[in-house]
Amino acid sequence: MFGNLKDSLASSAAKSLLSARLERYGRVTELRIRSKEKTLLLQVMLAGEHDEVTIEVGRYRIVGLAGNHTIIVESVRASREWLQLALEDFVVGKPFPIPTVALVALGGADGLA
């Protein structure tokens, strides 16, 4: 139960952070983090689109040392074929820096120095 509450609060905070980074491209309408399972669900209303785009991260991992963490997406599925292909080419398997404050939200604080 505590894990679900933590994920809900973390999802809200992460949604605000991600919304600011993506505002040029559209609006984040939903972000759900399941830190124990290391999965994410992201729904975005992209500029110029009539329907939301859904991105499901089937698995991610956090690597790094204190103050220098990255997230690596291991599998992803998108509701648009072109986006699926772009995510496979430019996101899956590539490390992306994340702020230390995001570690707890993503379930990556355990075991990292």
C-alpha atoms as a PDB file:
ATOM      1  CA  MET A   1       0.000   0.000   0.000  1.00  0.00           C
ATOM      2  CA  PHE A   2       2.786   2.432   0.892  1.00  0.00           C
ATOM      3  CA  GLY A   3       4.464   1.640  -2.437  1.00  0.00           C
ATOM      4  CA  ASN A   4       1.311   2.607  -4.349  1.00  0.00           C
ATOM      5  CA  LEU A   5       1.031   5.900  -2.451  1.00  0.00           C
ATOM      6  CA  LYS A   6       4.722   6.649  -3.037  1.00  0.00           C
ATOM      7  CA  ASP A   7       4.330   5.873  -6.751  1.00  0.00           C
ATOM      8  CA  SER A   8       1.243   8.077  -6.992  1.00  0.00           C
ATOM      9  CA  LEU A   9       2.973  11.040  -5.354  1.00  0.00           C
ATOM     10  CA  ALA A  10       6.146  10.458  -7.346  1.00  0.00           C
ATOM     11  CA  SER A  11       4.152  10.235 -10.576  1.00  0.00           C
ATOM     12  CA  SER A  12       2.544  13.613  -9.892  1.00  0.00           C
ATOM     13  CA  ALA A  13       5.883  15.253  -9.169  1.00  0.00           C
ATOM     14  CA  ALA A  14       7.576  13.637 -12.169  1.00  0.00           C
ATOM     15  CA  LYS A  15       4.665  14.641 -14.405  1.00  0.00           C
ATOM     16  CA  SER A  16       5.270  18.294 -13.513  1.00  0.00           C
ATOM     17  CA  LEU A  17       9.001  17.985 -14.189  1.00  0.00           C
ATOM     18  CA  LEU A  18       8.510  16.153 -17.482  1.00  0.00           C
ATOM     19  CA  SER A  19       5.727  18.520 -18.569  1.00  0.00           C
ATOM     20  CA  ALA A  20       8.131  21.440 -18.327  1.00  0.00           C
ATOM     21  CA  ARG A  21      10.689  19.632 -20.506  1.00  0.00           C
ATOM     22  CA  LEU A  22       8.129  18.597 -23.137  1.00  0.00           C
ATOM     23  CA  GLU A  23       5.951  21.717 -23.291  1.00  0.00           C
ATOM     24  CA  ARG A  24       7.333  22.724 -26.688  1.00  0.00           C
ATOM     25  CA  TYR A  25       6.077  19.420 -28.150  1.00  0.00           C
ATOM     26  CA  GLY A  26       2.821  18.988 -26.299  1.00  0.00           C
ATOM     27  CA  ARG A  27       1.220  18.363 -22.927  1.00  0.00           C
ATOM     28  CA  VAL A  28       1.714  15.414 -20.582  1.00  0.00           C
ATOM     29  CA  THR A  29      -1.771  14.238 -19.623  1.00  0.00           C
ATOM     30  CA  GLU A  30      -0.775  11.241 -17.519  1.00  0.00           C
ATOM     31  CA  LEU A  31       2.335   9.697 -16.028  1.00  0.00           C
ATOM     32  CA  ARG A  32       2.223   6.535 -13.952  1.00  0.00           C
ATOM     33  CA  ILE A  33       5.341   5.136 -12.325  1.00  0.00           C
ATOM     34  CA  ARG A  34       5.418   1.617 -10.933  1.00  0.00           C
ATOM     35  CA  SER A  35       8.798   1.724  -9.206  1.00  0.00           C
ATOM     36  CA  LYS A  36       8.756  -1.835  -7.893  1.00  0.00           C
ATOM     37  CA  GLU A  37       8.161  -3.230 -11.391  1.00  0.00           C
ATOM     38  CA  LYS A  38      10.366  -0.547 -13.007  1.00  0.00           C
ATOM     39  CA  THR A  39       7.667   0.406 -15.539  1.00  0.00           C
ATOM     40  CA  LEU A  40       6.183   3.710 -16.725  1.00  0.00           C
ATOM     41  CA  LEU A  41       3.062   4.750 -18.584  1.00  0.00           C
ATOM     42  CA  LEU A  42       3.120   8.134 -20.271  1.00  0.00           C
ATOM     43  CA  GLN A  43       0.273   9.786 -22.180  1.00  0.00           C
ATOM     44  CA  VAL A  44       0.984  12.931 -24.137  1.00  0.00           C
ATOM     45  CA  MET A  45      -1.160  15.202 -26.272  1.00  0.00           C
ATOM     46  CA  LEU A  46       1.380  16.158 -28.919  1.00  0.00           C
ATOM     47  CA  ALA A  47       1.136  19.469 -30.744  1.00  0.00           C
ATOM     48  CA  GLY A  48      -0.824  18.992 -33.957  1.00  0.00           C
ATOM     49  CA  GLU A  49      -2.263  15.601 -32.939  1.00  0.00           C
ATOM     50  CA  HIS A  50      -5.961  14.973 -32.356  1.00  0.00           C
ATOM     51  CA  ASP A  51      -5.514  11.963 -30.069  1.00  0.00           C
ATOM     52  CA  GLU A  52      -3.207  11.261 -27.169  1.00  0.00           C
ATOM     53  CA  VAL A  53      -0.058   9.260 -27.730  1.00  0.00           C
ATOM     54  CA  THR A  54       0.674   6.491 -25.242  1.00  0.00           C
ATOM     55  CA  ILE A  55       4.169   5.317 -24.385  1.00  0.00           C
ATOM     56  CA  GLU A  56       4.682   2.313 -22.146  1.00  0.00           C
ATOM     57  CA  VAL A  57       8.134   1.629 -20.765  1.00  0.00           C
ATOM     58  CA  GLY A  58       8.083  -2.099 -20.107  1.00  0.00           C
ATOM     59  CA  ARG A  59      11.301  -2.041 -18.138  1.00  0.00           C
ATOM     60  CA  TYR A  60      13.924   0.501 -17.118  1.00  0.00           C
ATOM     61  CA  ARG A  61      16.977   0.489 -14.894  1.00  0.00           C
ATOM     62  CA  ILE A  62      18.858   3.141 -12.989  1.00  0.00           C
ATOM     63  CA  VAL A  63      22.660   3.131 -13.009  1.00  0.00           C
ATOM     64  CA  GLY A  64      25.330   5.399 -11.608  1.00  0.00           C
ATOM     65  CA  LEU A  65      26.867   6.824  -8.490  1.00  0.00           C
ATOM     66  CA  ALA A  66      25.615   9.546  -6.166  1.00  0.00           C
ATOM     67  CA  GLY A  67      25.004  12.734  -8.107  1.00  0.00           C
ATOM     68  CA  ASN A  68      25.534  11.067 -11.490  1.00  0.00           C
ATOM     69  CA  HIS A  69      22.623   8.767 -12.307  1.00  0.00           C
ATOM     70  CA  THR A  70      21.164   7.689 -15.622  1.00  0.00           C
ATOM     71  CA  ILE A  71      18.040   5.856 -16.645  1.00  0.00           C
ATOM     72  CA  ILE A  72      18.238   3.204 -19.341  1.00  0.00           C
ATOM     73  CA  VAL A  73      15.007   2.131 -21.006  1.00  0.00           C
ATOM     74  CA  GLU A  74      15.158  -1.562 -21.812  1.00  0.00           C
ATOM     75  CA  SER A  75      11.824  -1.962 -23.601  1.00  0.00           C
ATOM     76  CA  VAL A  76       9.176   0.441 -24.846  1.00  0.00           C
ATOM     77  CA  ARG A  77       5.889   0.378 -26.717  1.00  0.00           C
ATOM     78  CA  ALA A  78       4.173   3.362 -28.339  1.00  0.00           C
ATOM     79  CA  SER A  79       0.702   3.864 -29.765  1.00  0.00           C
ATOM     80  CA  ARG A  80       2.116   5.257 -33.039  1.00  0.00           C
ATOM     81  CA  GLU A  81       4.354   3.170 -35.276  1.00  0.00           C
ATOM     82  CA  TRP A  82       6.634   6.091 -36.191  1.00  0.00           C
ATOM     83  CA  LEU A  83       7.117   6.900 -32.519  1.00  0.00           C
ATOM     84  CA  GLN A  84       7.773   3.256 -31.673  1.00  0.00           C
ATOM     85  CA  LEU A  85      10.529   3.151 -34.282  1.00  0.00           C
ATOM     86  CA  ALA A  86      12.038   6.468 -33.139  1.00  0.00           C
ATOM     87  CA  LEU A  87      12.058   5.323 -29.497  1.00  0.00           C
ATOM     88  CA  GLU A  88      13.745   2.055 -30.481  1.00  0.00           C
ATOM     89  CA  ASP A  89      16.400   3.950 -32.460  1.00  0.00           C
ATOM     90  CA  PHE A  90      17.071   6.845 -30.089  1.00  0.00           C
ATOM     91  CA  VAL A  91      15.972   5.836 -26.574  1.00  0.00           C
ATOM     92  CA  VAL A  92      16.093   2.081 -25.906  1.00  0.00           C
ATOM     93  CA  GLY A  93      19.452   1.058 -24.456  1.00  0.00           C
ATOM     94  CA  LYS A  94      20.786   4.608 -24.227  1.00  0.00           C
ATOM     95  CA  PRO A  95      21.628   6.263 -20.889  1.00  0.00           C
ATOM     96  CA  PHE A  96      19.821   9.516 -20.065  1.00  0.00           C
ATOM     97  CA  PRO A  97      20.872  11.643 -17.082  1.00  0.00           C
ATOM     98  CA  ILE A  98      18.288  12.023 -14.346  1.00  0.00           C
ATOM     99  CA  PRO A  99      18.290  14.394 -11.387  1.00  0.00           C
ATOM    100  CA  THR A 100      19.084  12.854  -8.026  1.00  0.00           C
ATOM    101  CA  VAL A 101      15.668  13.953  -6.769  1.00  0.00           C
ATOM    102  CA  ALA A 102      14.058  11.614  -9.337  1.00  0.00           C
ATOM    103  CA  LEU A 103      15.777   8.536  -7.893  1.00  0.00           C
ATOM    104  CA  VAL A 104      13.180   7.889  -5.206  1.00  0.00           C
ATOM    105  CA  ALA A 105      10.343   8.332  -7.678  1.00  0.00           C
ATOM    106  CA  LEU A 106      11.856   5.784 -10.037  1.00  0.00           C
ATOM    107  CA  GLY A 107      12.782   3.312  -7.311  1.00  0.00           C
ATOM    108  CA  GLY A 108      16.492   3.703  -7.943  1.00  0.00           C
ATOM    109  CA  ALA A 109      17.675   4.956  -4.567  1.00  0.00           C
ATOM    110  CA  ASP A 110      18.150   1.455  -3.159  1.00  0.00           C
ATOM    111  CA  GLY A 111      21.683   0.208  -3.400  1.00  0.00           C
ATOM    112  CA  LEU A 112      23.164   3.237  -5.156  1.00  0.00           C
ATOM    113  CA  ALA A 113      25.986   5.088  -3.509  1.00  0.00           C
END
